[in-house]
Amino acid sequence: MQPIHPQDIQTVIDRLTGQELYLHLELTTGAYASHLDSSRPTASAFITNAAVSYTHGSISGTGPYRVGLKTANGWIYAEGLTHVDENEHERLIMAGHDSQGKLIVSLQLSREKF
């Protein structure tokens, strides 16, 4: 994965606007490793292969970044994104990592199921 360049991400977001896509959205504050430090509160959210289409999307911030996707019924929002999988050309795969390199958030969009 490579650091996010917002203008490149915005181009992909614009290209995928209005298409039927599958969404993967994951957030964790350490739920996978809470056994290592029980004093840290943990939280997580996970959704995969949810069908979605958005009418408007944007990336903002100066890093870490935020991505918002406006759907017919509301918003999808992910904050803390730092990296993108540069080898993906048909899917948008972004992740946010903490200072230790651990995953804290992931937002992925694809025309095919994950």
N, C-alpha and C. Protein backbone atom coordinates (compact mmCIF):
# COMPACT_ATOMS: atom_id res chain seq x y z
N MET A 1 0.84 -1.18 0.00
CA MET A 1 0.00 0.00 0.00
C MET A 1 0.88 1.24 0.00
N GLN A 2 0.36 2.28 -0.62
CA GLN A 2 1.08 3.54 -0.75
C GLN A 2 0.27 4.66 -0.09
N PRO A 3 0.94 5.73 0.33
CA PRO A 3 0.21 6.87 0.88
C PRO A 3 -0.82 7.41 -0.11
N ILE A 4 -1.91 7.88 0.43
CA ILE A 4 -2.99 8.43 -0.39
C ILE A 4 -2.58 9.75 -1.02
N HIS A 5 -2.89 9.90 -2.30
CA HIS A 5 -2.82 11.17 -3.01
C HIS A 5 -4.28 11.54 -3.30
N PRO A 6 -4.82 12.52 -2.58
CA PRO A 6 -6.26 12.81 -2.65
C PRO A 6 -6.81 13.00 -4.06
N GLN A 7 -6.06 13.66 -4.93
CA GLN A 7 -6.57 13.91 -6.28
C GLN A 7 -6.76 12.60 -7.05
N ASP A 8 -5.91 11.60 -6.80
CA ASP A 8 -6.06 10.30 -7.46
C ASP A 8 -7.30 9.57 -6.93
N ILE A 9 -7.52 9.65 -5.63
CA ILE A 9 -8.68 9.01 -5.02
C ILE A 9 -9.96 9.67 -5.51
N GLN A 10 -9.97 11.00 -5.60
CA GLN A 10 -11.17 11.71 -6.08
C GLN A 10 -11.51 11.29 -7.50
N THR A 11 -10.51 11.07 -8.34
CA THR A 11 -10.74 10.62 -9.71
C THR A 11 -11.45 9.27 -9.72
N VAL A 12 -11.02 8.35 -8.87
CA VAL A 12 -11.65 7.03 -8.80
C VAL A 12 -13.06 7.15 -8.22
N ILE A 13 -13.23 7.93 -7.17
CA ILE A 13 -14.56 8.13 -6.59
C ILE A 13 -15.52 8.67 -7.65
N ASP A 14 -15.08 9.64 -8.42
CA ASP A 14 -15.92 10.22 -9.47
C ASP A 14 -16.25 9.17 -10.53
N ARG A 15 -15.29 8.34 -10.89
CA ARG A 15 -15.50 7.31 -11.92
C ARG A 15 -16.54 6.27 -11.47
N LEU A 16 -16.60 5.99 -10.18
CA LEU A 16 -17.52 4.97 -9.66
C LEU A 16 -18.90 5.51 -9.30
N THR A 17 -19.09 6.82 -9.36
CA THR A 17 -20.37 7.44 -9.02
C THR A 17 -21.50 6.87 -9.87
N GLY A 18 -22.60 6.52 -9.20
CA GLY A 18 -23.79 6.04 -9.90
C GLY A 18 -23.77 4.58 -10.26
N GLN A 19 -22.72 3.86 -9.95
CA GLN A 19 -22.63 2.44 -10.28
C GLN A 19 -23.08 1.58 -9.10
N GLU A 20 -23.56 0.38 -9.42
CA GLU A 20 -23.89 -0.59 -8.37
C GLU A 20 -22.57 -1.21 -7.91
N LEU A 21 -22.26 -1.02 -6.63
CA LEU A 21 -20.99 -1.45 -6.07
C LEU A 21 -21.20 -2.28 -4.82
N TYR A 22 -20.13 -2.94 -4.41
CA TYR A 22 -20.10 -3.62 -3.12
C TYR A 22 -19.16 -2.84 -2.21
N LEU A 23 -19.59 -2.72 -0.96
CA LEU A 23 -18.86 -1.94 0.02
C LEU A 23 -18.31 -2.85 1.11
N HIS A 24 -17.07 -2.59 1.49
CA HIS A 24 -16.48 -3.17 2.69
C HIS A 24 -16.05 -1.99 3.55
N LEU A 25 -16.51 -1.94 4.79
CA LEU A 25 -16.15 -0.88 5.71
C LEU A 25 -15.85 -1.52 7.05
N GLU A 26 -14.67 -1.21 7.56
CA GLU A 26 -14.22 -1.82 8.81
C GLU A 26 -13.56 -0.75 9.67
N LEU A 27 -13.83 -0.81 10.96
CA LEU A 27 -13.24 0.14 11.90
C LEU A 27 -12.90 -0.62 13.17
N THR A 28 -11.72 -0.40 13.71
CA THR A 28 -11.34 -1.01 14.98
C THR A 28 -10.43 -0.08 15.76
N THR A 29 -10.63 -0.03 17.05
CA THR A 29 -9.72 0.72 17.91
C THR A 29 -8.82 -0.24 18.68
N GLY A 30 -8.72 -1.44 18.18
CA GLY A 30 -7.87 -2.43 18.82
C GLY A 30 -8.61 -3.67 19.27
N ALA A 31 -9.79 -3.89 18.74
CA ALA A 31 -10.59 -5.03 19.16
C ALA A 31 -9.89 -6.35 18.89
N TYR A 32 -9.02 -6.39 17.89
CA TYR A 32 -8.33 -7.63 17.58
C TYR A 32 -7.24 -7.96 18.59
N ALA A 33 -6.78 -6.96 19.34
CA ALA A 33 -5.67 -7.19 20.25
C ALA A 33 -5.96 -6.69 21.67
N SER A 34 -7.22 -6.65 22.05
CA SER A 34 -7.57 -6.13 23.37
C SER A 34 -7.00 -6.98 24.49
N HIS A 35 -6.69 -8.22 24.20
CA HIS A 35 -6.12 -9.08 25.23
C HIS A 35 -4.70 -8.64 25.63
N LEU A 36 -4.07 -7.81 24.83
CA LEU A 36 -2.73 -7.32 25.15
C LEU A 36 -2.74 -6.14 26.09
N ASP A 37 -3.83 -5.38 26.11
CA ASP A 37 -3.92 -4.19 26.97
C ASP A 37 -5.38 -3.99 27.34
N SER A 38 -5.79 -4.57 28.45
CA SER A 38 -7.19 -4.52 28.84
C SER A 38 -7.63 -3.13 29.29
N SER A 39 -6.69 -2.19 29.48
CA SER A 39 -7.07 -0.85 29.89
C SER A 39 -7.58 0.00 28.73
N ARG A 40 -7.29 -0.42 27.52
CA ARG A 40 -7.76 0.32 26.34
C ARG A 40 -9.16 -0.10 25.98
N PRO A 41 -10.09 0.84 25.88
CA PRO A 41 -11.43 0.46 25.43
C PRO A 41 -11.37 0.06 23.96
N THR A 42 -12.17 -0.93 23.63
CA THR A 42 -12.17 -1.38 22.25
C THR A 42 -13.52 -1.10 21.61
N ALA A 43 -13.48 -0.88 20.32
CA ALA A 43 -14.69 -0.70 19.53
C ALA A 43 -14.38 -1.19 18.13
N SER A 44 -15.38 -1.72 17.47
CA SER A 44 -15.18 -2.14 16.09
C SER A 44 -16.51 -2.12 15.36
N ALA A 45 -16.41 -2.02 14.05
CA ALA A 45 -17.57 -2.11 13.16
C ALA A 45 -17.11 -2.81 11.90
N PHE A 46 -17.97 -3.62 11.33
CA PHE A 46 -17.58 -4.40 10.16
C PHE A 46 -18.82 -4.61 9.30
N ILE A 47 -18.69 -4.27 8.03
CA ILE A 47 -19.74 -4.55 7.05
C ILE A 47 -19.03 -4.95 5.77
N THR A 48 -19.50 -5.99 5.13
CA THR A 48 -18.85 -6.41 3.89
C THR A 48 -19.91 -6.85 2.88
N ASN A 49 -19.62 -6.59 1.63
CA ASN A 49 -20.47 -6.95 0.50
C ASN A 49 -21.87 -6.35 0.58
N ALA A 50 -21.96 -5.17 1.15
CA ALA A 50 -23.22 -4.43 1.15
C ALA A 50 -23.36 -3.74 -0.21
N ALA A 51 -24.50 -3.93 -0.86
CA ALA A 51 -24.73 -3.29 -2.15
C ALA A 51 -24.98 -1.81 -1.93
N VAL A 52 -24.31 -0.99 -2.72
CA VAL A 52 -24.42 0.46 -2.55
C VAL A 52 -24.22 1.16 -3.89
N SER A 53 -24.86 2.28 -4.02
CA SER A 53 -24.64 3.19 -5.14
C SER A 53 -24.68 4.59 -4.55
N TYR A 54 -23.76 5.44 -4.96
CA TYR A 54 -23.74 6.79 -4.41
C TYR A 54 -23.85 7.82 -5.53
N THR A 55 -24.43 8.96 -5.15
CA THR A 55 -24.66 10.03 -6.12
C THR A 55 -23.57 11.09 -6.07
N HIS A 56 -22.85 11.13 -4.98
CA HIS A 56 -21.76 12.10 -4.81
C HIS A 56 -20.77 11.52 -3.82
N GLY A 57 -19.49 11.71 -4.10
CA GLY A 57 -18.47 11.26 -3.17
C GLY A 57 -17.30 12.22 -3.18
N SER A 58 -16.63 12.31 -2.03
CA SER A 58 -15.47 13.19 -1.98
C SER A 58 -14.49 12.72 -0.92
N ILE A 59 -13.24 13.12 -1.12
CA ILE A 59 -12.18 12.90 -0.15
C ILE A 59 -11.76 14.28 0.36
N SER A 60 -11.50 14.38 1.66
CA SER A 60 -11.11 15.67 2.22
C SER A 60 -10.11 15.45 3.35
N GLY A 61 -9.54 16.54 3.78
CA GLY A 61 -8.55 16.50 4.85
C GLY A 61 -7.14 16.66 4.31
N THR A 62 -6.20 16.70 5.24
CA THR A 62 -4.80 16.85 4.86
C THR A 62 -3.99 15.62 5.22
N GLY A 63 -4.65 14.59 5.65
CA GLY A 63 -4.01 13.34 6.03
C GLY A 63 -3.88 13.25 7.53
N PRO A 64 -4.46 12.21 8.10
CA PRO A 64 -5.32 11.21 7.47
C PRO A 64 -6.55 11.86 6.83
N TYR A 65 -7.13 11.10 5.90
CA TYR A 65 -8.20 11.63 5.05
C TYR A 65 -9.56 11.08 5.44
N ARG A 66 -10.59 11.82 5.00
CA ARG A 66 -11.99 11.41 5.17
C ARG A 66 -12.59 11.19 3.78
N VAL A 67 -13.41 10.16 3.67
CA VAL A 67 -14.16 9.91 2.44
C VAL A 67 -15.63 9.84 2.81
N GLY A 68 -16.44 10.60 2.10
CA GLY A 68 -17.89 10.58 2.28
C GLY A 68 -18.56 10.21 0.98
N LEU A 69 -19.57 9.36 1.06
CA LEU A 69 -20.33 8.91 -0.11
C LEU A 69 -21.81 9.16 0.16
N LYS A 70 -22.46 9.98 -0.66
CA LYS A 70 -23.88 10.32 -0.51
C LYS A 70 -24.71 9.30 -1.27
N THR A 71 -25.55 8.57 -0.54
CA THR A 71 -26.44 7.59 -1.17
C THR A 71 -27.85 8.17 -1.21
N ALA A 72 -28.75 7.45 -1.83
CA ALA A 72 -30.14 7.91 -1.91
C ALA A 72 -30.78 8.02 -0.53
N ASN A 73 -30.28 7.24 0.44
CA ASN A 73 -30.91 7.21 1.76
C ASN A 73 -30.04 7.75 2.88
N GLY A 74 -28.89 8.29 2.58
CA GLY A 74 -28.03 8.81 3.64
C GLY A 74 -26.58 8.87 3.20
N TRP A 75 -25.70 8.80 4.20
CA TRP A 75 -24.26 8.95 3.94
C TRP A 75 -23.48 7.75 4.45
N ILE A 76 -22.39 7.46 3.77
CA ILE A 76 -21.36 6.52 4.22
C ILE A 76 -20.12 7.37 4.43
N TYR A 77 -19.47 7.18 5.56
CA TYR A 77 -18.37 8.07 5.92
C TYR A 77 -17.27 7.26 6.59
N ALA A 78 -16.03 7.49 6.20
CA ALA A 78 -14.87 6.86 6.84
C ALA A 78 -13.81 7.92 7.05
N GLU A 79 -13.24 7.94 8.24
CA GLU A 79 -12.20 8.90 8.57
C GLU A 79 -10.97 8.16 9.09
N GLY A 80 -9.80 8.74 8.82
CA GLY A 80 -8.55 8.15 9.29
C GLY A 80 -7.81 7.37 8.22
N LEU A 81 -8.20 7.56 6.96
CA LEU A 81 -7.58 6.82 5.85
C LEU A 81 -6.20 7.39 5.53
N THR A 82 -5.23 6.51 5.37
CA THR A 82 -3.86 6.93 5.12
C THR A 82 -3.24 6.31 3.88
N HIS A 83 -3.72 5.14 3.46
CA HIS A 83 -3.06 4.40 2.38
C HIS A 83 -4.08 3.84 1.39
N VAL A 84 -3.58 3.57 0.19
CA VAL A 84 -4.39 2.98 -0.88
C VAL A 84 -3.58 1.86 -1.51
N ASP A 85 -4.30 0.83 -1.96
CA ASP A 85 -3.64 -0.28 -2.67
C ASP A 85 -3.42 0.17 -4.11
N GLU A 86 -2.19 0.49 -4.44
CA GLU A 86 -1.86 1.03 -5.76
C GLU A 86 -1.92 -0.02 -6.86
N ASN A 87 -2.01 -1.30 -6.50
CA ASN A 87 -2.07 -2.37 -7.50
C ASN A 87 -3.48 -2.66 -7.97
N GLU A 88 -4.46 -2.05 -7.33
CA GLU A 88 -5.86 -2.26 -7.69
C GLU A 88 -6.29 -1.24 -8.73
N HIS A 89 -6.87 -1.72 -9.82
CA HIS A 89 -7.32 -0.81 -10.86
C HIS A 89 -8.84 -0.89 -11.06
N GLU A 90 -9.45 -1.98 -10.61
CA GLU A 90 -10.89 -2.14 -10.73
C GLU A 90 -11.60 -1.91 -9.41
N ARG A 91 -10.84 -1.92 -8.31
CA ARG A 91 -11.42 -1.72 -6.98
C ARG A 91 -10.68 -0.57 -6.30
N LEU A 92 -11.38 0.09 -5.40
CA LEU A 92 -10.77 1.13 -4.58
C LEU A 92 -10.60 0.54 -3.18
N ILE A 93 -9.37 0.34 -2.76
CA ILE A 93 -9.07 -0.25 -1.46
C ILE A 93 -8.21 0.73 -0.69
N MET A 94 -8.80 1.30 0.38
CA MET A 94 -8.10 2.26 1.21
C MET A 94 -8.07 1.75 2.65
N ALA A 95 -7.03 2.15 3.37
CA ALA A 95 -6.90 1.76 4.77
C ALA A 95 -6.29 2.90 5.55
N GLY A 96 -6.54 2.88 6.84
CA GLY A 96 -5.89 3.81 7.75
C GLY A 96 -5.13 3.00 8.78
N HIS A 97 -3.90 3.40 9.03
CA HIS A 97 -3.04 2.69 9.98
C HIS A 97 -2.63 3.64 11.09
N ASP A 98 -2.46 3.09 12.30
CA ASP A 98 -2.00 3.91 13.41
C ASP A 98 -0.48 4.07 13.35
N SER A 99 0.09 4.71 14.36
CA SER A 99 1.53 4.98 14.37
C SER A 99 2.37 3.72 14.45
N GLN A 100 1.75 2.59 14.83
CA GLN A 100 2.46 1.32 14.89
C GLN A 100 2.21 0.48 13.63
N GLY A 101 1.47 1.05 12.68
CA GLY A 101 1.20 0.34 11.44
C GLY A 101 0.01 -0.60 11.50
N LYS A 102 -0.75 -0.57 12.59
CA LYS A 102 -1.90 -1.45 12.73
C LYS A 102 -3.13 -0.83 12.05
N LEU A 103 -3.95 -1.69 11.47
CA LEU A 103 -5.16 -1.25 10.80
C LEU A 103 -6.14 -0.66 11.80
N ILE A 104 -6.67 0.53 11.46
CA ILE A 104 -7.72 1.12 12.28
C ILE A 104 -9.01 1.34 11.48
N VAL A 105 -8.89 1.51 10.17
CA VAL A 105 -10.07 1.70 9.33
C VAL A 105 -9.78 1.21 7.92
N SER A 106 -10.80 0.68 7.27
CA SER A 106 -10.69 0.24 5.89
C SER A 106 -11.98 0.58 5.16
N LEU A 107 -11.85 1.13 3.97
CA LEU A 107 -12.99 1.43 3.11
C LEU A 107 -12.65 0.90 1.73
N GLN A 108 -13.52 0.02 1.23
CA GLN A 108 -13.26 -0.61 -0.05
C GLN A 108 -14.53 -0.60 -0.89
N LEU A 109 -14.37 -0.34 -2.18
CA LEU A 109 -15.47 -0.34 -3.14
C LEU A 109 -15.09 -1.19 -4.33
N SER A 110 -16.05 -1.99 -4.81
CA SER A 110 -15.76 -2.88 -5.94
C SER A 110 -17.04 -3.19 -6.70
N ARG A 111 -16.92 -3.46 -7.98
CA ARG A 111 -18.05 -3.92 -8.78
C ARG A 111 -18.35 -5.39 -8.51
N GLU A 112 -17.36 -6.11 -7.98
CA GLU A 112 -17.49 -7.53 -7.64
C GLU A 112 -17.46 -7.69 -6.14
N LYS A 113 -18.08 -8.76 -5.63
CA LYS A 113 -18.06 -9.01 -4.19
C LYS A 113 -16.63 -9.25 -3.72
N PHE A 114 -16.39 -8.93 -2.46
CA PHE A 114 -15.08 -9.14 -1.85
C PHE A 114 -14.97 -10.58 -1.37
